[in-house]
Protein backbone atom coordinates (compact mmCIF):
# COMPACT_ATOMS: atom_id res chain seq x y z
CA MET A 1 -5.96 -24.21 15.82
CA THR A 2 -6.04 -20.97 17.81
CA THR A 3 -3.09 -22.10 19.92
CA ALA A 4 -1.04 -22.84 16.79
CA VAL A 5 -1.68 -19.40 15.33
CA LEU A 6 -0.85 -17.68 18.61
CA SER A 7 2.36 -19.68 18.91
CA ARG A 8 3.39 -18.42 15.47
CA ALA A 9 3.10 -14.81 16.64
CA ALA A 10 4.98 -15.59 19.82
CA ASP A 11 7.68 -17.38 17.84
CA LEU A 12 8.13 -14.42 15.49
CA ILE A 13 8.41 -12.01 18.42
CA GLU A 14 10.93 -14.26 20.16
CA ARG A 15 13.09 -14.55 17.02
CA GLU A 16 13.01 -10.80 16.44
CA ASN A 17 14.03 -10.15 20.04
CA HIS A 18 16.81 -12.73 19.82
CA TYR A 19 18.38 -11.69 16.51
CA GLY A 20 17.51 -7.99 16.32
CA ALA A 21 19.00 -4.99 18.10
CA HIS A 22 16.71 -3.83 20.90
CA ASN A 23 16.37 -0.21 19.78
CA TYR A 24 12.56 -0.33 19.55
CA LYS A 25 9.76 -1.26 21.92
CA PRO A 26 6.85 -2.01 19.57
CA LEU A 27 3.41 -3.22 20.51
CA ASP A 28 3.37 -7.01 20.31
CA VAL A 29 1.21 -7.06 17.19
CA VAL A 30 2.75 -9.00 14.29
CA LEU A 31 1.35 -7.60 11.05
CA THR A 32 1.30 -9.52 7.79
CA ARG A 33 -1.02 -7.66 5.37
CA GLY A 34 -2.37 -4.18 4.70
CA GLU A 35 -5.02 -2.60 2.49
CA GLY A 36 -6.28 0.97 2.65
CA VAL A 37 -6.65 2.07 6.27
CA HIS A 38 -6.50 -1.48 7.61
CA VAL A 39 -3.79 -4.00 8.51
CA TRP A 40 -4.09 -7.63 9.59
CA ASP A 41 -1.93 -9.58 12.03
CA VAL A 42 -0.80 -13.19 11.72
CA ASP A 43 -3.81 -14.23 13.80
CA GLY A 44 -6.11 -12.79 11.13
CA LYS A 45 -7.28 -9.90 13.34
CA ARG A 46 -7.99 -6.64 11.52
CA TYR A 47 -6.89 -3.24 12.82
CA LEU A 48 -7.46 0.33 11.70
CA ASP A 49 -4.01 1.88 11.39
CA CYS A 50 -3.83 5.26 13.12
CA LEU A 51 -0.08 5.73 12.74
CA SER A 52 0.33 5.27 8.97
CA ALA A 53 3.99 4.35 9.50
CA TYR A 54 4.63 7.84 10.91
CA SER A 55 2.70 9.36 7.97
CA ALA A 56 4.52 7.40 5.26
CA VAL A 57 1.31 5.59 4.26
CA ASN A 58 -0.82 8.66 3.53
CA GLN A 59 -2.20 7.03 0.38
CA GLY A 60 -3.25 3.90 2.27
CA HIS A 61 -1.57 0.52 2.55
CA CYS A 62 -0.60 -1.14 -0.72
CA HIS A 63 -2.43 1.29 -2.97
CA PRO A 64 -3.01 -0.76 -6.14
CA ARG A 65 -1.84 1.96 -8.54
CA ILE A 66 1.39 2.48 -6.60
CA ILE A 67 2.01 -1.27 -6.37
CA GLY A 68 1.35 -1.47 -10.10
CA ALA A 69 3.97 1.18 -10.80
CA LEU A 70 6.42 -0.66 -8.54
CA THR A 71 5.99 -4.04 -10.21
CA GLU A 72 6.03 -2.62 -13.73
CA GLN A 73 9.25 -0.66 -13.17
CA ALA A 74 10.87 -3.50 -11.20
CA GLN A 75 10.60 -5.70 -14.28
CA ARG A 76 12.32 -3.11 -16.49
CA LEU A 77 15.08 -1.35 -14.52
CA THR A 78 15.66 -0.84 -10.80
CA LEU A 79 19.03 0.87 -10.34
CA THR A 80 21.64 2.65 -12.42
CA SER A 81 23.37 4.78 -9.77
CA ARG A 82 23.79 8.45 -10.63
CA ALA A 83 26.85 7.59 -12.73
CA PHE A 84 24.36 7.17 -15.56
CA ARG A 85 21.02 8.79 -16.38
CA ASN A 86 17.66 7.02 -16.34
CA ASP A 87 14.33 7.79 -17.99
CA GLN A 88 12.31 8.11 -14.76
CA LEU A 89 14.33 10.76 -12.90
CA PRO A 90 13.62 13.75 -15.20
CA ALA A 91 9.86 13.21 -15.08
CA PHE A 92 9.93 12.70 -11.31
CA LEU A 93 11.88 15.92 -10.74
CA GLU A 94 9.62 17.92 -13.03
CA GLU A 95 6.38 16.58 -11.54
CA LEU A 96 7.57 17.02 -7.95
CA CYS A 97 8.82 20.57 -8.53
CA THR A 98 5.69 21.57 -10.44
CA LEU A 99 3.39 20.21 -7.73
CA THR A 100 5.28 21.92 -4.88
CA ASN A 101 6.22 25.15 -6.68
CA SER A 102 9.94 24.42 -6.34
CA HIS A 103 12.80 25.40 -8.66
CA MET A 104 14.78 22.20 -8.27
CA ALA A 105 15.01 19.05 -6.17
CA LEU A 106 17.74 16.82 -4.78
CA PRO A 107 16.50 13.19 -4.53
CA MET A 108 17.64 11.05 -1.61
CA ASN A 109 16.32 7.98 0.22
CA SER A 110 15.43 8.53 3.87
CA GLY A 111 14.18 11.58 5.72
CA ALA A 112 17.37 11.77 7.76
CA GLU A 113 19.39 11.83 4.54
CA ALA A 114 17.29 14.74 3.30
CA VAL A 115 18.01 16.62 6.53
CA GLU A 116 21.74 15.91 6.32
CA SER A 117 21.72 17.02 2.69
CA ALA A 118 20.05 20.30 3.65
CA LEU A 119 22.56 20.93 6.44
CA LYS A 120 25.47 20.44 4.06
CA THR A 121 23.89 22.55 1.35
CA VAL A 122 22.98 25.50 3.57
CA ARG A 123 26.46 25.60 5.08
CA LYS A 124 28.02 25.68 1.62
CA TRP A 125 25.57 28.41 0.62
CA GLY A 126 26.56 30.37 3.72
CA TYR A 127 30.22 30.33 2.79
CA GLU A 128 29.92 30.83 -0.96
CA VAL A 129 26.93 33.18 -1.19
CA LYS A 130 26.37 34.87 2.18
CA GLY A 131 30.09 35.22 2.89
CA VAL A 132 30.24 33.65 6.34
CA PRO A 133 33.87 33.02 7.44
CA ALA A 134 35.08 29.45 6.92
CA ASP A 135 33.86 26.94 9.50
CA ARG A 136 31.81 29.56 11.38
CA ALA A 137 28.35 28.84 9.96
CA GLU A 138 25.52 28.45 12.48
CA ILE A 139 22.12 26.80 12.06
CA ILE A 140 19.30 27.52 14.49
CA VAL A 141 17.06 24.62 15.58
CA CYS A 142 14.19 24.24 18.05
CA SER A 143 13.91 22.43 21.36
CA GLU A 144 11.87 19.20 21.28
CA ASN A 145 12.75 18.82 17.59
CA PHE A 146 12.89 15.53 15.75
CA HIS A 147 14.72 15.46 12.43
CA GLY A 148 16.15 11.92 12.41
CA ARG A 149 18.76 9.84 14.18
CA THR A 150 22.11 10.42 12.49
CA LEU A 151 25.02 11.54 14.66
CA ALA A 152 24.84 15.17 13.54
CA ILE A 153 21.08 15.32 14.03
CA VAL A 154 20.95 13.79 17.52
CA GLY A 155 23.69 16.24 18.48
CA PHE A 156 21.19 19.10 18.30
CA SER A 157 18.32 17.20 19.94
CA SER A 158 16.98 18.26 23.34
CA ASP A 159 16.04 14.66 24.17
CA ASP A 160 18.56 13.34 26.70
CA GLN A 161 18.00 9.69 25.75
CA THR A 162 18.59 10.47 22.08
CA ARG A 163 21.95 12.06 22.93
CA ALA A 164 23.20 9.93 25.82
CA GLY A 165 26.32 7.93 24.97
CA PHE A 166 26.77 9.23 21.42
CA GLY A 167 28.99 12.31 21.83
CA PRO A 168 31.07 14.22 20.94
CA PHE A 169 28.68 16.09 18.68
CA THR A 170 28.96 18.30 15.63
CA PRO A 171 29.22 22.01 16.51
CA GLY A 172 27.48 24.85 14.72
CA PHE A 173 23.92 24.64 16.06
CA ARG A 174 21.92 26.96 18.33
CA MET A 175 18.69 25.88 20.01
CA VAL A 176 15.68 28.09 20.74
CA PRO A 177 12.20 27.29 22.13
CA TYR A 178 9.69 26.20 19.49
CA GLY A 179 7.10 28.84 18.65
CA ASP A 180 9.03 31.70 20.31
CA VAL A 181 9.66 34.38 17.67
CA ALA A 182 11.57 36.65 20.04
CA ALA A 183 13.99 33.87 20.99
CA PHE A 184 14.56 33.06 17.33
CA GLU A 185 15.26 36.69 16.46
CA ALA A 186 17.66 37.03 19.39
CA ALA A 187 19.60 33.94 18.29
CA ILE A 188 20.36 35.28 14.79
CA THR A 189 23.95 36.41 14.24
CA PRO A 190 25.91 37.41 11.12
CA ASN A 191 27.03 33.76 10.93
CA THR A 192 23.50 32.33 10.92
CA VAL A 193 22.93 30.51 7.64
CA GLY A 194 19.75 28.57 8.29
CA PHE A 195 16.76 27.89 10.52
CA LEU A 196 15.69 24.22 10.57
CA VAL A 197 12.17 23.78 11.94
CA GLU A 198 9.08 21.56 11.71
CA PRO A 199 5.77 23.23 10.75
CA ILE A 200 4.18 20.99 13.40
CA GLN A 201 6.34 19.06 15.84
CA GLY A 202 5.18 15.48 15.34
CA GLU A 203 7.32 13.40 17.68
CA ALA A 204 6.99 16.05 20.38
CA GLY A 205 3.28 15.29 20.48
CA VAL A 206 1.73 17.18 17.53
CA VAL A 207 2.73 20.60 18.85
CA ILE A 208 1.35 23.51 16.80
CA PRO A 209 3.06 26.92 17.04
CA PRO A 210 1.12 30.12 17.80
CA ALA A 211 -0.80 31.73 14.94
CA GLY A 212 1.42 34.04 12.91
CA TYR A 213 4.65 32.39 14.08
CA PHE A 214 5.78 31.27 10.65
CA THR A 215 4.72 34.49 8.99
CA ARG A 216 7.08 36.37 11.28
CA VAL A 217 9.82 33.72 10.96
CA ARG A 218 9.66 34.08 7.18
CA GLU A 219 10.02 37.87 7.50
CA LEU A 220 13.02 37.55 9.83
CA CYS A 221 14.76 34.99 7.61
CA THR A 222 14.34 37.27 4.61
CA ALA A 223 15.52 40.34 6.51
CA HIS A 224 18.65 38.62 7.87
CA ASN A 225 19.45 36.53 4.75
CA VAL A 226 18.85 33.26 6.60
CA VAL A 227 17.68 30.14 4.74
CA LEU A 228 14.35 28.89 6.11
CA ILE A 229 14.41 25.07 6.10
CA LEU A 230 11.04 23.46 6.75
CA ASP A 231 11.10 19.78 7.66
CA GLU A 232 7.86 18.55 6.05
CA ILE A 233 8.88 14.90 6.11
CA GLN A 234 5.90 14.04 8.34
CA THR A 235 3.62 17.01 7.63
CA GLY A 236 3.94 17.01 3.86
CA PHE A 237 1.69 15.61 1.14
CA GLY A 238 -1.71 16.16 2.69
CA ARG A 239 -1.19 15.07 6.27
CA THR A 240 -2.32 18.42 7.71
CA GLY A 241 -5.11 19.06 5.20
CA LYS A 242 -2.86 21.03 2.85
CA LEU A 243 -0.36 19.69 0.32
CA LEU A 244 2.40 21.23 2.46
CA ALA A 245 1.86 22.50 6.00
CA GLU A 246 3.54 25.82 5.14
CA GLU A 247 0.36 26.71 3.26
CA HIS A 248 -1.52 27.20 6.53
CA GLU A 249 0.27 30.54 6.93
CA GLY A 250 0.77 31.26 3.25
CA ILE A 251 4.57 31.18 3.31
CA GLU A 252 7.24 29.45 1.22
CA ALA A 253 10.39 27.94 2.64
CA ASP A 254 13.78 28.29 0.94
CA LEU A 255 14.45 24.58 1.48
CA THR A 256 11.66 22.07 2.03
CA LEU A 257 12.40 18.52 3.15
CA VAL A 258 10.00 15.78 2.07
CA GLY A 259 9.97 12.01 2.38
CA LYS A 260 7.76 9.29 3.87
CA ALA A 261 4.49 9.75 1.90
CA LEU A 262 6.48 10.85 -1.15
CA ALA A 263 6.38 7.17 -2.16
CA GLY A 264 3.23 6.12 -0.33
CA GLY A 265 5.05 3.86 2.09
CA VAL A 266 6.05 1.53 -0.72
CA TYR A 267 9.69 2.53 -1.17
CA PRO A 268 12.13 4.84 0.70
CA VAL A 269 12.25 8.14 -1.19
CA SER A 270 13.05 11.64 0.08
CA ALA A 271 14.01 14.94 -1.46
CA VAL A 272 15.29 18.42 -0.73
CA LEU A 273 13.15 21.00 -2.53
CA SER A 274 14.71 24.39 -3.07
CA ASN A 275 15.00 27.61 -4.96
CA ALA A 276 17.80 27.53 -7.52
CA GLN A 277 20.06 29.85 -5.54
CA VAL A 278 20.54 27.50 -2.58
CA LEU A 279 20.71 24.07 -4.24
CA GLY A 280 22.67 25.67 -7.05
CA VAL A 281 25.81 25.74 -4.87
CA LEU A 282 26.18 21.95 -5.21
CA LYS A 283 28.60 20.90 -7.94
CA PRO A 284 29.45 17.42 -9.25
CA GLY A 285 31.22 15.49 -6.50
CA ASP A 286 29.92 17.64 -3.61
CA HIS A 287 27.15 15.25 -2.59
CA GLY A 288 25.49 12.06 -3.76
CA SER A 289 23.77 8.75 -3.10
CA THR A 290 23.99 5.42 -4.89
CA PHE A 291 20.24 4.84 -4.59
CA GLY A 292 19.05 8.47 -4.64
CA GLY A 293 16.99 9.11 -7.77
CA ASN A 294 16.99 5.47 -8.85
CA PRO A 295 14.40 4.58 -11.52
CA LEU A 296 12.36 2.29 -9.26
CA ALA A 297 12.08 4.99 -6.58
CA CYS A 298 11.17 7.62 -9.15
CA ALA A 299 8.44 5.51 -10.77
CA VAL A 300 6.89 4.71 -7.39
CA ALA A 301 7.03 8.32 -6.20
CA ARG A 302 5.53 9.62 -9.44
CA MET A 303 2.50 7.38 -9.00
CA ALA A 304 2.24 8.15 -5.27
CA LEU A 305 2.00 11.87 -6.09
CA LYS A 306 -0.46 11.20 -8.90
CA VAL A 307 -2.93 9.24 -6.76
CA LEU A 308 -2.66 11.83 -3.99
CA VAL A 309 -3.92 14.47 -6.42
CA ASP A 310 -6.24 12.35 -8.59
CA GLU A 311 -8.13 10.87 -5.65
CA GLY A 312 -8.51 14.10 -3.67
CA MET A 313 -6.65 12.82 -0.64
CA VAL A 314 -5.44 16.23 0.51
CA GLU A 315 -8.98 17.58 0.50
CA ASN A 316 -10.25 14.44 2.26
CA SER A 317 -7.63 14.91 4.95
CA ALA A 318 -8.97 18.39 5.68
CA VAL A 319 -12.60 17.27 5.85
CA MET A 320 -12.09 14.01 7.75
CA GLY A 321 -9.51 15.64 10.02
CA ALA A 322 -11.96 18.36 11.05
CA ARG A 323 -14.64 15.73 11.68
CA LEU A 324 -12.38 13.46 13.72
CA LYS A 325 -10.89 16.33 15.72
CA ALA A 326 -14.34 17.68 16.60
CA THR A 327 -15.56 14.24 17.67
CA LEU A 328 -12.48 13.58 19.78
CA ALA A 329 -12.79 17.03 21.34
CA SER A 330 -16.38 16.23 22.33
CA ILE A 331 -15.22 13.38 24.57
CA ARG A 332 -15.90 14.32 28.18
CA HIS A 333 -13.45 12.37 30.32
CA PRO A 334 -11.31 13.54 33.24
CA ALA A 335 -8.21 11.88 31.75
CA VAL A 336 -8.27 14.05 28.60
CA LYS A 337 -6.29 17.27 28.86
CA GLU A 338 -6.36 18.43 25.23
CA VAL A 339 -7.15 17.38 21.66
CA ARG A 340 -5.09 19.18 19.01
CA GLY A 341 -3.86 18.90 15.45
CA ARG A 342 -4.47 19.83 11.83
CA GLY A 343 -5.93 17.63 9.14
CA LEU A 344 -5.33 14.00 10.02
CA MET A 345 -2.32 14.79 12.21
CA LEU A 346 -3.99 14.68 15.61
CA ALA A 347 -3.12 14.05 19.22
CA VAL A 348 -5.00 13.35 22.43
CA GLU A 349 -2.99 14.50 25.44
CA LEU A 350 -3.84 12.98 28.81
CA HIS A 351 -3.38 14.48 32.24
CA PRO A 352 -0.22 13.11 33.94
CA GLN A 353 -2.29 11.58 36.75
CA ALA A 354 -4.26 9.49 34.21
CA GLY A 355 -1.63 6.75 34.24
CA GLY A 356 0.11 7.40 30.92
CA ALA A 357 -0.73 6.91 27.27
CA ARG A 358 0.79 3.44 26.83
CA PRO A 359 -2.02 1.56 28.63
CA VAL A 360 -4.58 3.40 26.47
CA VAL A 361 -2.67 2.52 23.31
CA GLU A 362 -2.58 -1.13 24.39
CA ALA A 363 -6.32 -1.04 25.10
CA LEU A 364 -6.90 0.46 21.65
CA ALA A 365 -4.92 -2.36 20.04
CA ALA A 366 -7.13 -4.88 21.82
CA ARG A 367 -10.11 -3.05 20.30
CA GLY A 368 -8.65 -3.20 16.78
CA LEU A 369 -7.06 0.25 16.53
CA LEU A 370 -3.32 0.84 16.27
CA ALA A 371 -2.02 4.18 17.56
CA LYS A 372 1.25 5.39 19.07
CA ASP A 373 2.05 6.89 22.44
CA THR A 374 4.64 9.65 22.63
CA HIS A 375 6.14 11.72 25.44
CA ASP A 376 4.43 9.48 28.05
CA HIS A 377 1.03 11.18 28.05
CA THR A 378 0.13 11.80 24.40
CA ILE A 379 -1.61 9.52 21.88
CA ARG A 380 -0.88 10.26 18.22
CA ILE A 381 -3.71 9.62 15.77
CA SER A 382 -2.73 9.83 12.09
CA PRO A 383 -4.71 7.42 9.89
CA PRO A 384 -4.23 7.21 6.11
CA LEU A 385 -5.80 10.04 4.14
CA VAL A 386 -8.32 7.69 2.51
CA LEU A 387 -10.29 7.58 5.78
CA THR A 388 -14.08 7.63 5.52
CA ALA A 389 -16.58 9.41 7.78
CA GLY A 390 -17.71 6.14 9.32
CA GLU A 391 -14.14 5.14 10.08
CA ALA A 392 -13.41 8.55 11.61
CA ASP A 393 -16.40 8.21 13.93
CA TRP A 394 -15.36 4.66 14.85
CA ILE A 395 -11.88 5.89 15.83
CA ALA A 396 -13.37 8.41 18.27
CA GLU A 397 -15.63 5.74 19.74
CA GLN A 398 -12.68 3.44 20.38
CA VAL A 399 -10.61 6.19 21.98
CA GLN A 400 -13.44 7.02 24.36
CA ALA A 401 -13.92 3.34 25.24
CA ALA A 402 -10.20 2.76 25.82
CA LEU A 403 -9.73 5.62 28.30
CA PRO A 404 -9.23 4.55 31.93
CA PRO A 405 -12.40 3.96 33.96
CA THR A 406 -13.55 6.90 36.05
């Protein structure tokens, strides 16, 4: 019986490798079911998910209220396109804007689409409002950024593998070191229309900027009439222990990009949040999406936001994140270089001589914990925000046990 089950997993992996493009290198765990913080593979083995689909599953896997909203709306109306209006979009826009203190929102589907939408919008704002000469607009970005994988976005990545073989790239971007206020200020010109930046760099290894960085960035953007664009696609909706990560320094962006947990991992939904001045430059025909703002997406996202607030998930992220971070930081092992993060967006960085993060991640999977290695030596730990104290302690125990023998 065991052999038959194992052969099913092997067969699924073989078929995926045969028919699918090889643009990912996942752990060879074939998942079939999820509930709360846990997922199960086709062998019936249970794992605690410490990736949360790159923070899309903040509310936990298959949250029953979100699934209920999905099935109810799916039986009534799924798609109209934006050629017609639907009864879910107005409520979604109002609830999202009210929750995030935004003037208006542009609904899209994926995070990368939200980024592309912001790039288009801020350029148009630069020409029509700021008065930048035609086709001269510049947007400042940071090294080690990750904002998606479209052609324009990878063009301003500092990751050689992300860029290799995909040029020529879209002009109009300047890159500065992340967390360096002086470099950002020096890069601003009269043609600068926007600064696109992550509050915490997730894919770079949960990199947190120096204290006061965003306070000063906000001041500089205001002084130079530059639109501050915060990519909160991973950090948003409770991941860092605040509803939005910008709250850690008490600032407000001009454009905020959200996605992933906006629909609790149940449906692809993203949005550009903005003040009225910036998004107000878009007129009918300037931008759009067949699926953006569809009634099924709106119904799911409305419930995902509701459970986030009703069930205190943001507050739980702050409490459980502090507990887990402290426990991880108490691990005394020569392989561990640093533990860092905010809320339940954490990372354990290993010393280069420790042999890399991938073997530790594989050892964790064998112990029933799914995490993700990044940048060779860093383990990302981002469980759903419904984590309990016992589960947080168990995570730290497994990390300590999976580290290489001394």
